[in-house]
């Protein structure tokens, strides 16, 4: 027996989502100033990672020509710095000790990867 696939148009999708918006929505009405700050900084971090990703694509010549024409490799350094600075700002807001976090994670990674090394 053949199953027929229902084709959902973009308009139908939007209508379905609108009908279910209240069920799908995350309530933000009770966010404190600090929580709003964390949310804003998280979005900013995503933006900076996206800009770094664009520059990495340019380094690999995987961007469209118009972006490659405007690309300056020095900007890559700035984008790495922007990601680190924004991440550190977010960590401060969440009271995360980045030095401790990085050292703990590095130690954990090195233990895991050292198991994979040939003996």
PDB file of N, CA and C in Angstrom:
ATOM      1  N   UNK A   1       0.839  -1.174   0.000  1.00  0.00           N
ATOM      2  CA  UNK A   1       0.000   0.000   0.000  1.00  0.00           C
ATOM      3  C   UNK A   1       0.884   1.237   0.000  1.00  0.00           C
ATOM      4  N   UNK A   2       0.644   2.132  -0.924  1.00  0.00           N
ATOM      5  CA  UNK A   2       1.408   3.374  -1.017  1.00  0.00           C
ATOM      6  C   UNK A   2       0.856   4.400  -0.039  1.00  0.00           C
ATOM      7  N   UNK A   3       1.780   5.036   0.645  1.00  0.00           N
ATOM      8  CA  UNK A   3       1.383   6.102   1.568  1.00  0.00           C
ATOM      9  C   UNK A   3       1.519   7.421   0.812  1.00  0.00           C
ATOM     10  N   UNK A   4       0.524   8.223   0.854  1.00  0.00           N
ATOM     11  CA  UNK A   4       0.634   9.518   0.195  1.00  0.00           C
ATOM     12  C   UNK A   4       1.233  10.518   1.174  1.00  0.00           C
ATOM     13  N   UNK A   5       2.127  11.312   0.671  1.00  0.00           N
ATOM     14  CA  UNK A   5       2.759  12.340   1.505  1.00  0.00           C
ATOM     15  C   UNK A   5       1.940  13.615   1.417  1.00  0.00           C
ATOM     16  N   UNK A   6       1.697  14.205   2.564  1.00  0.00           N
ATOM     17  CA  UNK A   6       1.018  15.485   2.598  1.00  0.00           C
ATOM     18  C   UNK A   6       2.062  16.565   2.398  1.00  0.00           C
ATOM     19  N   UNK A   7       1.796  17.429   1.452  1.00  0.00           N
ATOM     20  CA  UNK A   7       2.715  18.524   1.191  1.00  0.00           C
ATOM     21  C   UNK A   7       2.248  19.733   1.989  1.00  0.00           C
ATOM     22  N   UNK A   8       3.149  20.230   2.795  1.00  0.00           N
ATOM     23  CA  UNK A   8       2.854  21.377   3.630  1.00  0.00           C
ATOM     24  C   UNK A   8       3.490  22.611   2.991  1.00  0.00           C
ATOM     25  N   UNK A   9       2.672  23.569   2.634  1.00  0.00           N
ATOM     26  CA  UNK A   9       3.211  24.793   2.060  1.00  0.00           C
ATOM     27  C   UNK A   9       3.776  25.658   3.180  1.00  0.00           C
ATOM     28  N   UNK A  10       4.594  26.620   2.826  1.00  0.00           N
ATOM     29  CA  UNK A  10       5.139  27.560   3.809  1.00  0.00           C
ATOM     30  C   UNK A  10       3.991  28.313   4.477  1.00  0.00           C
ATOM     31  N   UNK A  11       2.987  28.687   3.717  1.00  0.00           N
ATOM     32  CA  UNK A  11       1.827  29.397   4.275  1.00  0.00           C
ATOM     33  C   UNK A  11       1.115  28.518   5.302  1.00  0.00           C
ATOM     34  N   UNK A  12       0.934  27.227   4.967  1.00  0.00           N
ATOM     35  CA  UNK A  12       0.308  26.297   5.911  1.00  0.00           C
ATOM     36  C   UNK A  12       1.154  26.145   7.174  1.00  0.00           C
ATOM     37  N   UNK A  13       2.452  26.076   6.993  1.00  0.00           N
ATOM     38  CA  UNK A  13       3.364  25.954   8.125  1.00  0.00           C
ATOM     39  C   UNK A  13       3.222  27.157   9.053  1.00  0.00           C
ATOM     40  N   UNK A  14       3.232  28.350   8.458  1.00  0.00           N
ATOM     41  CA  UNK A  14       3.106  29.556   9.272  1.00  0.00           C
ATOM     42  C   UNK A  14       1.763  29.587  10.004  1.00  0.00           C
ATOM     43  N   UNK A  15       0.714  29.177   9.316  1.00  0.00           N
ATOM     44  CA  UNK A  15      -0.613  29.163   9.923  1.00  0.00           C
ATOM     45  C   UNK A  15      -0.638  28.183  11.096  1.00  0.00           C
ATOM     46  N   UNK A  16      -0.082  27.004  10.909  1.00  0.00           N
ATOM     47  CA  UNK A  16      -0.049  25.985  11.965  1.00  0.00           C
ATOM     48  C   UNK A  16       0.744  26.477  13.175  1.00  0.00           C
ATOM     49  N   UNK A  17       1.877  27.118  12.908  1.00  0.00           N
ATOM     50  CA  UNK A  17       2.696  27.647  13.995  1.00  0.00           C
ATOM     51  C   UNK A  17       1.973  28.769  14.735  1.00  0.00           C
ATOM     52  N   UNK A  18       1.289  29.624  13.988  1.00  0.00           N
ATOM     53  CA  UNK A  18       0.552  30.728  14.616  1.00  0.00           C
ATOM     54  C   UNK A  18      -0.567  30.181  15.508  1.00  0.00           C
ATOM     55  N   UNK A  19      -1.249  29.142  15.045  1.00  0.00           N
ATOM     56  CA  UNK A  19      -2.326  28.540  15.830  1.00  0.00           C
ATOM     57  C   UNK A  19      -1.799  27.929  17.134  1.00  0.00           C
ATOM     58  N   UNK A  20      -0.571  27.481  17.113  1.00  0.00           N
ATOM     59  CA  UNK A  20       0.019  26.815  18.277  1.00  0.00           C
ATOM     60  C   UNK A  20       1.049  27.670  18.999  1.00  0.00           C
ATOM     61  N   UNK A  21       1.063  28.952  18.692  1.00  0.00           N
ATOM     62  CA  UNK A  21       2.091  29.851  19.220  1.00  0.00           C
ATOM     63  C   UNK A  21       2.147  29.853  20.746  1.00  0.00           C
ATOM     64  N   UNK A  22       1.007  29.889  21.391  1.00  0.00           N
ATOM     65  CA  UNK A  22       1.000  29.935  22.861  1.00  0.00           C
ATOM     66  C   UNK A  22       1.578  28.664  23.464  1.00  0.00           C
ATOM     67  N   UNK A  23       1.363  27.536  22.825  1.00  0.00           N
ATOM     68  CA  UNK A  23       1.889  26.266  23.326  1.00  0.00           C
ATOM     69  C   UNK A  23       3.390  26.141  23.071  1.00  0.00           C
ATOM     70  N   UNK A  24       3.889  26.803  22.053  1.00  0.00           N
ATOM     71  CA  UNK A  24       5.292  26.691  21.675  1.00  0.00           C
ATOM     72  C   UNK A  24       6.165  27.772  22.292  1.00  0.00           C
ATOM     73  N   UNK A  25       5.541  28.812  22.808  1.00  0.00           N
ATOM     74  CA  UNK A  25       6.275  29.981  23.288  1.00  0.00           C
ATOM     75  C   UNK A  25       6.903  29.719  24.653  1.00  0.00           C
ATOM     76  N   UNK A  26       8.115  30.201  24.803  1.00  0.00           N
ATOM     77  CA  UNK A  26       8.780  30.197  26.097  1.00  0.00           C
ATOM     78  C   UNK A  26       8.425  31.519  26.756  1.00  0.00           C
ATOM     79  N   UNK A  27       7.938  31.460  27.959  1.00  0.00           N
ATOM     80  CA  UNK A  27       7.537  32.681  28.667  1.00  0.00           C
ATOM     81  C   UNK A  27       8.762  33.413  29.199  1.00  0.00           C
ATOM     82  N   UNK A  28       8.892  34.679  28.832  1.00  0.00           N
ATOM     83  CA  UNK A  28      10.012  35.502  29.282  1.00  0.00           C
ATOM     84  C   UNK A  28       9.564  36.629  30.196  1.00  0.00           C
ATOM     85  N   UNK A  29       8.302  36.675  30.556  1.00  0.00           N
ATOM     86  CA  UNK A  29       7.780  37.816  31.313  1.00  0.00           C
ATOM     87  C   UNK A  29       8.436  37.981  32.678  1.00  0.00           C
ATOM     88  N   UNK A  30       8.990  36.899  33.217  1.00  0.00           N
ATOM     89  CA  UNK A  30       9.551  36.997  34.557  1.00  0.00           C
ATOM     90  C   UNK A  30      11.072  37.128  34.563  1.00  0.00           C
ATOM     91  N   UNK A  31      11.664  37.439  33.424  1.00  0.00           N
ATOM     92  CA  UNK A  31      13.116  37.563  33.385  1.00  0.00           C
ATOM     93  C   UNK A  31      13.582  38.765  34.201  1.00  0.00           C
ATOM     94  N   UNK A  32      14.606  38.542  34.973  1.00  0.00           N
ATOM     95  CA  UNK A  32      15.217  39.637  35.728  1.00  0.00           C
ATOM     96  C   UNK A  32      16.153  40.406  34.793  1.00  0.00           C
ATOM     97  N   UNK A  33      16.649  41.531  35.268  1.00  0.00           N
ATOM     98  CA  UNK A  33      17.610  42.307  34.474  1.00  0.00           C
ATOM     99  C   UNK A  33      18.830  41.443  34.156  1.00  0.00           C
ATOM    100  N   UNK A  34      19.321  40.685  35.139  1.00  0.00           N
ATOM    101  CA  UNK A  34      20.492  39.819  34.935  1.00  0.00           C
ATOM    102  C   UNK A  34      20.206  38.751  33.881  1.00  0.00           C
ATOM    103  N   UNK A  35      19.025  38.136  33.949  1.00  0.00           N
ATOM    104  CA  UNK A  35      18.664  37.102  32.969  1.00  0.00           C
ATOM    105  C   UNK A  35      18.570  37.678  31.559  1.00  0.00           C
ATOM    106  N   UNK A  36      18.024  38.887  31.451  1.00  0.00           N
ATOM    107  CA  UNK A  36      17.970  39.555  30.146  1.00  0.00           C
ATOM    108  C   UNK A  36      19.381  39.843  29.637  1.00  0.00           C
ATOM    109  N   UNK A  37      20.260  40.225  30.551  1.00  0.00           N
ATOM    110  CA  UNK A  37      21.662  40.489  30.213  1.00  0.00           C
ATOM    111  C   UNK A  37      22.331  39.219  29.700  1.00  0.00           C
ATOM    112  N   UNK A  38      22.100  38.103  30.383  1.00  0.00           N
ATOM    113  CA  UNK A  38      22.670  36.818  29.952  1.00  0.00           C
ATOM    114  C   UNK A  38      22.142  36.452  28.572  1.00  0.00           C
ATOM    115  N   UNK A  39      20.856  36.609  28.363  1.00  0.00           N
ATOM    116  CA  UNK A  39      20.251  36.298  27.074  1.00  0.00           C
ATOM    117  C   UNK A  39      20.843  37.164  25.965  1.00  0.00           C
ATOM    118  N   UNK A  40      20.958  38.461  26.214  1.00  0.00           N
ATOM    119  CA  UNK A  40      21.518  39.380  25.214  1.00  0.00           C
ATOM    120  C   UNK A  40      22.969  39.023  24.895  1.00  0.00           C
ATOM    121  N   UNK A  41      23.749  38.691  25.915  1.00  0.00           N
ATOM    122  CA  UNK A  41      25.159  38.351  25.692  1.00  0.00           C
ATOM    123  C   UNK A  41      25.306  37.013  24.975  1.00  0.00           C
ATOM    124  N   UNK A  42      24.377  36.107  25.217  1.00  0.00           N
ATOM    125  CA  UNK A  42      24.398  34.828  24.507  1.00  0.00           C
ATOM    126  C   UNK A  42      24.113  35.043  23.022  1.00  0.00           C
ATOM    127  N   UNK A  43      23.152  35.894  22.721  1.00  0.00           N
ATOM    128  CA  UNK A  43      22.850  36.219  21.325  1.00  0.00           C
ATOM    129  C   UNK A  43      24.054  36.907  20.679  1.00  0.00           C
ATOM    130  N   UNK A  44      24.696  37.805  21.413  1.00  0.00           N
ATOM    131  CA  UNK A  44      25.888  38.499  20.903  1.00  0.00           C
ATOM    132  C   UNK A  44      26.995  37.493  20.603  1.00  0.00           C
ATOM    133  N   UNK A  45      27.176  36.498  21.469  1.00  0.00           N
ATOM    134  CA  UNK A  45      28.188  35.468  21.229  1.00  0.00           C
ATOM    135  C   UNK A  45      27.877  34.708  19.939  1.00  0.00           C
ATOM    136  N   UNK A  46      26.620  34.392  19.729  1.00  0.00           N
ATOM    137  CA  UNK A  46      26.220  33.714  18.487  1.00  0.00           C
ATOM    138  C   UNK A  46      26.552  34.564  17.265  1.00  0.00           C
ATOM    139  N   UNK A  47      26.311  35.853  17.381  1.00  0.00           N
ATOM    140  CA  UNK A  47      26.630  36.776  16.283  1.00  0.00           C
ATOM    141  C   UNK A  47      28.127  36.754  15.988  1.00  0.00           C
ATOM    142  N   UNK A  48      28.937  36.830  17.032  1.00  0.00           N
ATOM    143  CA  UNK A  48      30.391  36.856  16.841  1.00  0.00           C
ATOM    144  C   UNK A  48      30.907  35.546  16.260  1.00  0.00           C
ATOM    145  N   UNK A  49      30.351  34.425  16.697  1.00  0.00           N
ATOM    146  CA  UNK A  49      30.753  33.129  16.136  1.00  0.00           C
ATOM    147  C   UNK A  49      30.370  33.065  14.657  1.00  0.00           C
ATOM    148  N   UNK A  50      29.218  33.624  14.316  1.00  0.00           N
ATOM    149  CA  UNK A  50      28.805  33.670  12.907  1.00  0.00           C
ATOM    150  C   UNK A  50      29.760  34.490  12.058  1.00  0.00           C
ATOM    151  N   UNK A  51      30.204  35.628  12.587  1.00  0.00           N
ATOM    152  CA  UNK A  51      31.159  36.463  11.851  1.00  0.00           C
ATOM    153  C   UNK A  51      32.496  35.745  11.685  1.00  0.00           C
ATOM    154  N   UNK A  52      32.935  35.034  12.721  1.00  0.00           N
ATOM    155  CA  UNK A  52      34.166  34.242  12.617  1.00  0.00           C
ATOM    156  C   UNK A  52      33.990  33.149  11.567  1.00  0.00           C
ATOM    157  N   UNK A  53      32.842  32.506  11.570  1.00  0.00           N
ATOM    158  CA  UNK A  53      32.569  31.458  10.583  1.00  0.00           C
ATOM    159  C   UNK A  53      32.638  32.002   9.162  1.00  0.00           C
ATOM    160  N   UNK A  54      32.104  33.193   8.956  1.00  0.00           N
ATOM    161  CA  UNK A  54      32.178  33.814   7.626  1.00  0.00           C
ATOM    162  C   UNK A  54      33.624  34.021   7.198  1.00  0.00           C
ATOM    163  N   UNK A  55      34.453  34.484   8.128  1.00  0.00           N
ATOM    164  CA  UNK A  55      35.859  34.712   7.792  1.00  0.00           C
ATOM    165  C   UNK A  55      36.602  33.404   7.543  1.00  0.00           C
ATOM    166  N   UNK A  56      36.261  32.362   8.275  1.00  0.00           N
ATOM    167  CA  UNK A  56      36.884  31.059   8.031  1.00  0.00           C
ATOM    168  C   UNK A  56      36.497  30.552   6.641  1.00  0.00           C
ATOM    169  N   UNK A  57      35.248  30.735   6.266  1.00  0.00           N
ATOM    170  CA  UNK A  57      34.828  30.359   4.909  1.00  0.00           C
ATOM    171  C   UNK A  57      35.611  31.148   3.866  1.00  0.00           C
ATOM    172  N   UNK A  58      35.867  32.415   4.150  1.00  0.00           N
ATOM    173  CA  UNK A  58      36.641  33.240   3.215  1.00  0.00           C
ATOM    174  C   UNK A  58      38.079  32.741   3.116  1.00  0.00           C
ATOM    175  N   UNK A  59      38.677  32.386   4.245  1.00  0.00           N
ATOM    176  CA  UNK A  59      40.051  31.865   4.233  1.00  0.00           C
ATOM    177  C   UNK A  59      40.123  30.621   3.348  1.00  0.00           C
ATOM    178  N   UNK A  60      39.074  29.822   3.387  1.00  0.00           N
ATOM    179  CA  UNK A  60      39.023  28.592   2.591  1.00  0.00           C
ATOM    180  C   UNK A  60      38.494  28.829   1.172  1.00  0.00           C
ATOM    181  N   UNK A  61      38.264  30.102   0.844  1.00  0.00           N
ATOM    182  CA  UNK A  61      37.708  30.498  -0.457  1.00  0.00           C
ATOM    183  C   UNK A  61      36.366  29.822  -0.744  1.00  0.00           C
ATOM    184  N   UNK A  62      35.560  29.687   0.288  1.00  0.00           N
ATOM    185  CA  UNK A  62      34.249  29.066   0.141  1.00  0.00           C
ATOM    186  C   UNK A  62      33.116  30.080   0.218  1.00  0.00           C
ATOM    187  N   UNK A  63      33.474  31.362   0.216  1.00  0.00           N
ATOM    188  CA  UNK A  63      32.471  32.428   0.196  1.00  0.00           C
ATOM    189  C   UNK A  63      32.202  32.832  -1.247  1.00  0.00           C
ATOM    190  N   UNK A  64      31.085  33.523  -1.443  1.00  0.00           N
ATOM    191  CA  UNK A  64      30.802  34.042  -2.787  1.00  0.00           C
ATOM    192  C   UNK A  64      31.820  35.134  -3.120  1.00  0.00           C
ATOM    193  N   UNK A  65      32.012  35.385  -4.392  1.00  0.00           N
ATOM    194  CA  UNK A  65      33.049  36.297  -4.871  1.00  0.00           C
ATOM    195  C   UNK A  65      32.981  37.682  -4.231  1.00  0.00           C
ATOM    196  N   UNK A  66      31.777  38.233  -4.091  1.00  0.00           N
ATOM    197  CA  UNK A  66      31.665  39.583  -3.540  1.00  0.00           C
ATOM    198  C   UNK A  66      32.199  39.652  -2.109  1.00  0.00           C
ATOM    199  N   UNK A  67      32.004  38.605  -1.338  1.00  0.00           N
ATOM    200  CA  UNK A  67      32.544  38.589   0.025  1.00  0.00           C
ATOM    201  C   UNK A  67      34.046  38.368   0.004  1.00  0.00           C
ATOM    202  N   UNK A  68      34.519  37.553  -0.923  1.00  0.00           N
ATOM    203  CA  UNK A  68      35.957  37.309  -1.015  1.00  0.00           C
ATOM    204  C   UNK A  68      36.702  38.568  -1.427  1.00  0.00           C
ATOM    205  N   UNK A  69      36.086  39.389  -2.287  1.00  0.00           N
ATOM    206  CA  UNK A  69      36.723  40.625  -2.733  1.00  0.00           C
ATOM    207  C   UNK A  69      36.945  41.594  -1.570  1.00  0.00           C
ATOM    208  N   UNK A  70      36.022  41.584  -0.609  1.00  0.00           N
ATOM    209  CA  UNK A  70      36.109  42.507   0.528  1.00  0.00           C
ATOM    210  C   UNK A  70      36.856  41.921   1.726  1.00  0.00           C
ATOM    211  N   UNK A  71      37.258  40.666   1.629  1.00  0.00           N
ATOM    212  CA  UNK A  71      37.860  39.987   2.778  1.00  0.00           C
ATOM    213  C   UNK A  71      39.275  40.481   3.048  1.00  0.00           C
ATOM    214  N   UNK A  72      39.537  40.763   4.315  1.00  0.00           N
ATOM    215  CA  UNK A  72      40.874  41.133   4.779  1.00  0.00           C
ATOM    216  C   UNK A  72      41.271  40.112   5.834  1.00  0.00           C
ATOM    217  N   UNK A  73      42.334  39.377   5.591  1.00  0.00           N
ATOM    218  CA  UNK A  73      42.748  38.307   6.495  1.00  0.00           C
ATOM    219  C   UNK A  73      42.991  38.810   7.921  1.00  0.00           C
ATOM    220  N   UNK A  74      43.388  40.075   8.061  1.00  0.00           N
ATOM    221  CA  UNK A  74      43.587  40.635   9.406  1.00  0.00           C
ATOM    222  C   UNK A  74      42.290  40.643  10.206  1.00  0.00           C
ATOM    223  N   UNK A  75      41.171  40.720   9.509  1.00  0.00           N
ATOM    224  CA  UNK A  75      39.876  40.701  10.185  1.00  0.00           C
ATOM    225  C   UNK A  75      39.651  39.379  10.915  1.00  0.00           C
ATOM    226  N   UNK A  76      40.251  38.305  10.406  1.00  0.00           N
ATOM    227  CA  UNK A  76      40.136  36.996  11.048  1.00  0.00           C
ATOM    228  C   UNK A  76      40.616  37.061  12.497  1.00  0.00           C
ATOM    229  N   UNK A  77      41.711  37.762  12.712  1.00  0.00           N
ATOM    230  CA  UNK A  77      42.255  37.924  14.067  1.00  0.00           C
ATOM    231  C   UNK A  77      41.267  38.669  14.958  1.00  0.00           C
ATOM    232  N   UNK A  78      40.651  39.707  14.404  1.00  0.00           N
ATOM    233  CA  UNK A  78      39.665  40.475  15.164  1.00  0.00           C
ATOM    234  C   UNK A  78      38.458  39.635  15.530  1.00  0.00           C
ATOM    235  N   UNK A  79      38.029  38.781  14.609  1.00  0.00           N
ATOM    236  CA  UNK A  79      36.855  37.949  14.879  1.00  0.00           C
ATOM    237  C   UNK A  79      37.150  36.907  15.962  1.00  0.00           C
ATOM    238  N   UNK A  80      38.348  36.321  15.939  1.00  0.00           N
ATOM    239  CA  UNK A  80      38.726  35.414  17.031  1.00  0.00           C
ATOM    240  C   UNK A  80      38.704  36.173  18.360  1.00  0.00           C
ATOM    241  N   UNK A  81      39.261  37.367  18.361  1.00  0.00           N
ATOM    242  CA  UNK A  81      39.288  38.184  19.582  1.00  0.00           C
ATOM    243  C   UNK A  81      37.874  38.527  20.030  1.00  0.00           C
ATOM    244  N   UNK A  82      36.997  38.883  19.090  1.00  0.00           N
ATOM    245  CA  UNK A  82      35.613  39.214  19.444  1.00  0.00           C
ATOM    246  C   UNK A  82      34.920  38.031  20.117  1.00  0.00           C
ATOM    247  N   UNK A  83      35.142  36.830  19.598  1.00  0.00           N
ATOM    248  CA  UNK A  83      34.526  35.643  20.198  1.00  0.00           C
ATOM    249  C   UNK A  83      35.037  35.449  21.622  1.00  0.00           C
ATOM    250  N   UNK A  84      36.354  35.557  21.803  1.00  0.00           N
ATOM    251  CA  UNK A  84      36.937  35.356  23.133  1.00  0.00           C
ATOM    252  C   UNK A  84      36.458  36.429  24.112  1.00  0.00           C
ATOM    253  N   UNK A  85      36.457  37.691  23.676  1.00  0.00           N
ATOM    254  CA  UNK A  85      36.029  38.781  24.552  1.00  0.00           C
ATOM    255  C   UNK A  85      34.548  38.663  24.934  1.00  0.00           C
ATOM    256  N   UNK A  86      33.722  38.320  23.962  1.00  0.00           N
ATOM    257  CA  UNK A  86      32.291  38.176  24.227  1.00  0.00           C
ATOM    258  C   UNK A  86      32.037  36.975  25.135  1.00  0.00           C
ATOM    259  N   UNK A  87      32.764  35.897  24.903  1.00  0.00           N
ATOM    260  CA  UNK A  87      32.644  34.718  25.755  1.00  0.00           C
ATOM    261  C   UNK A  87      33.062  35.038  27.194  1.00  0.00           C
ATOM    262  N   UNK A  88      34.148  35.774  27.350  1.00  0.00           N
ATOM    263  CA  UNK A  88      34.623  36.151  28.692  1.00  0.00           C
ATOM    264  C   UNK A  88      33.609  37.049  29.389  1.00  0.00           C
ATOM    265  N   UNK A  89      32.989  37.945  28.648  1.00  0.00           N
ATOM    266  CA  UNK A  89      31.964  38.825  29.216  1.00  0.00           C
ATOM    267  C   UNK A  89      30.762  38.010  29.688  1.00  0.00           C
ATOM    268  N   UNK A  90      30.349  37.051  28.864  1.00  0.00           N
ATOM    269  CA  UNK A  90      29.239  36.179  29.247  1.00  0.00           C
ATOM    270  C   UNK A  90      29.613  35.334  30.471  1.00  0.00           C
ATOM    271  N   UNK A  91      30.831  34.821  30.489  1.00  0.00           N
ATOM    272  CA  UNK A  91      31.293  34.036  31.644  1.00  0.00           C
ATOM    273  C   UNK A  91      31.273  34.879  32.916  1.00  0.00           C
ATOM    274  N   UNK A  92      31.708  36.116  32.818  1.00  0.00           N
ATOM    275  CA  UNK A  92      31.668  37.019  33.980  1.00  0.00           C
ATOM    276  C   UNK A  92      30.240  37.199  34.485  1.00  0.00           C
ATOM    277  N   UNK A  93      29.324  37.392  33.568  1.00  0.00           N
ATOM    278  CA  UNK A  93      27.924  37.599  33.928  1.00  0.00           C
ATOM    279  C   UNK A  93      27.368  36.370  34.650  1.00  0.00           C
ATOM    280  N   UNK A  94      27.807  35.191  34.228  1.00  0.00           N
ATOM    281  CA  UNK A  94      27.338  33.944  34.834  1.00  0.00           C
ATOM    282  C   UNK A  94      28.248  33.466  35.969  1.00  0.00           C
ATOM    283  N   UNK A  95      29.230  34.302  36.301  1.00  0.00           N
ATOM    284  CA  UNK A  95      30.186  33.993  37.376  1.00  0.00           C
ATOM    285  C   UNK A  95      30.912  32.671  37.141  1.00  0.00           C
ATOM    286  N   UNK A  96      31.351  32.476  35.905  1.00  0.00           N
ATOM    287  CA  UNK A  96      32.109  31.283  35.538  1.00  0.00           C
ATOM    288  C   UNK A  96      33.588  31.643  35.502  1.00  0.00           C
ATOM    289  N   UNK A  97      34.394  30.889  36.214  1.00  0.00           N
ATOM    290  CA  UNK A  97      35.843  31.064  36.217  1.00  0.00           C
ATOM    291  C   UNK A  97      36.381  30.363  34.976  1.00  0.00           C
ATOM    292  N   UNK A  98      36.647  31.157  33.935  1.00  0.00           N
ATOM    293  CA  UNK A  98      37.086  30.582  32.659  1.00  0.00           C
ATOM    294  C   UNK A  98      38.416  29.843  32.773  1.00  0.00           C
ATOM    295  N   UNK A  99      39.323  30.372  33.549  1.00  0.00           N
ATOM    296  CA  UNK A  99      40.615  29.702  33.697  1.00  0.00           C
ATOM    297  C   UNK A  99      40.408  28.301  34.269  1.00  0.00           C
ATOM    298  N   UNK A 100      39.609  28.212  35.309  1.00  0.00           N
ATOM    299  CA  UNK A 100      39.313  26.907  35.905  1.00  0.00           C
ATOM    300  C   UNK A 100      38.594  25.999  34.910  1.00  0.00           C
ATOM    301  N   UNK A 101      37.604  26.541  34.215  1.00  0.00           N
ATOM    302  CA  UNK A 101      36.832  25.754  33.254  1.00  0.00           C
ATOM    303  C   UNK A 101      37.724  25.209  32.135  1.00  0.00           C
ATOM    304  N   UNK A 102      38.587  26.065  31.589  1.00  0.00           N
ATOM    305  CA  UNK A 102      39.464  25.647  30.489  1.00  0.00           C
ATOM    306  C   UNK A 102      40.484  24.620  30.976  1.00  0.00           C
ATOM    307  N   UNK A 103      41.088  24.870  32.140  1.00  0.00           N
ATOM    308  CA  UNK A 103      42.070  23.912  32.656  1.00  0.00           C
ATOM    309  C   UNK A 103      41.443  22.550  32.939  1.00  0.00           C
ATOM    310  N   UNK A 104      40.259  22.549  33.543  1.00  0.00           N
ATOM    311  CA  UNK A 104      39.571  21.287  33.819  1.00  0.00           C
ATOM    312  C   UNK A 104      39.219  20.547  32.533  1.00  0.00           C
ATOM    313  N   UNK A 105      38.723  21.280  31.559  1.00  0.00           N
ATOM    314  CA  UNK A 105      38.325  20.656  30.294  1.00  0.00           C
ATOM    315  C   UNK A 105      39.548  20.144  29.540  1.00  0.00           C
ATOM    316  N   UNK A 106      40.628  20.915  29.532  1.00  0.00           N
ATOM    317  CA  UNK A 106      41.846  20.499  28.845  1.00  0.00           C
ATOM    318  C   UNK A 106      42.396  19.220  29.470  1.00  0.00           C
ATOM    319  N   UNK A 107      42.413  19.183  30.786  1.00  0.00           N
ATOM    320  CA  UNK A 107      42.894  17.988  31.483  1.00  0.00           C
ATOM    321  C   UNK A 107      42.036  16.772  31.107  1.00  0.00           C
ATOM    322  N   UNK A 108      40.732  16.969  31.079  1.00  0.00           N
ATOM    323  CA  UNK A 108      39.809  15.892  30.719  1.00  0.00           C
ATOM    324  C   UNK A 108      40.031  15.429  29.277  1.00  0.00           C
ATOM    325  N   UNK A 109      40.164  16.389  28.364  1.00  0.00           N
ATOM    326  CA  UNK A 109      40.398  16.052  26.957  1.00  0.00           C
ATOM    327  C   UNK A 109      41.693  15.277  26.773  1.00  0.00           C
ATOM    328  N   UNK A 110      42.738  15.741  27.426  1.00  0.00           N
ATOM    329  CA  UNK A 110      44.030  15.084  27.269  1.00  0.00           C
ATOM    330  C   UNK A 110      43.996  13.650  27.801  1.00  0.00           C
ATOM    331  N   UNK A 111      43.261  13.418  28.862  1.00  0.00           N
ATOM    332  CA  UNK A 111      43.112  12.051  29.377  1.00  0.00           C
ATOM    333  C   UNK A 111      42.377  11.178  28.372  1.00  0.00           C
ATOM    334  N   UNK A 112      41.310  11.697  27.817  1.00  0.00           N
ATOM    335  CA  UNK A 112      40.510  10.923  26.861  1.00  0.00           C
ATOM    336  C   UNK A 112      41.313  10.634  25.604  1.00  0.00           C
ATOM    337  N   UNK A 113      41.969  11.652  25.052  1.00  0.00           N
ATOM    338  CA  UNK A 113      42.698  11.451  23.807  1.00  0.00           C
ATOM    339  C   UNK A 113      43.963  10.627  24.007  1.00  0.00           C
ATOM    340  N   UNK A 114      44.547  10.690  25.191  1.00  0.00           N
ATOM    341  CA  UNK A 114      45.753   9.902  25.420  1.00  0.00           C
ATOM    342  C   UNK A 114      45.442   8.415  25.387  1.00  0.00           C
ATOM    343  N   UNK A 115      44.185   8.030  25.675  1.00  0.00           N
ATOM    344  CA  UNK A 115      43.783   6.627  25.594  1.00  0.00           C
ATOM    345  C   UNK A 115      43.799   6.135  24.144  1.00  0.00           C
ATOM    346  N   UNK A 116      43.599   7.064  23.203  1.00  0.00           N
ATOM    347  CA  UNK A 116      43.548   6.708  21.791  1.00  0.00           C
ATOM    348  C   UNK A 116      44.913   6.640  21.125  1.00  0.00           C
ATOM    349  N   UNK A 117      45.933   7.100  21.811  1.00  0.00           N
ATOM    350  CA  UNK A 117      47.285   7.105  21.238  1.00  0.00           C
ATOM    351  C   UNK A 117      47.817   5.681  21.139  1.00  0.00           C
ATOM    352  N   UNK A 118      48.569   5.392  20.043  1.00  0.00           N
ATOM    353  CA  UNK A 118      49.148   4.063  19.925  1.00  0.00           C
ATOM    354  C   UNK A 118      50.204   3.850  21.020  1.00  0.00           C
ATOM    355  N   UNK A 119      50.286   2.641  21.489  1.00  0.00           N
ATOM    356  CA  UNK A 119      51.221   2.329  22.579  1.00  0.00           C
ATOM    357  C   UNK A 119      52.422   1.587  22.070  1.00  0.00           C
TER     358      UNK A 119
END
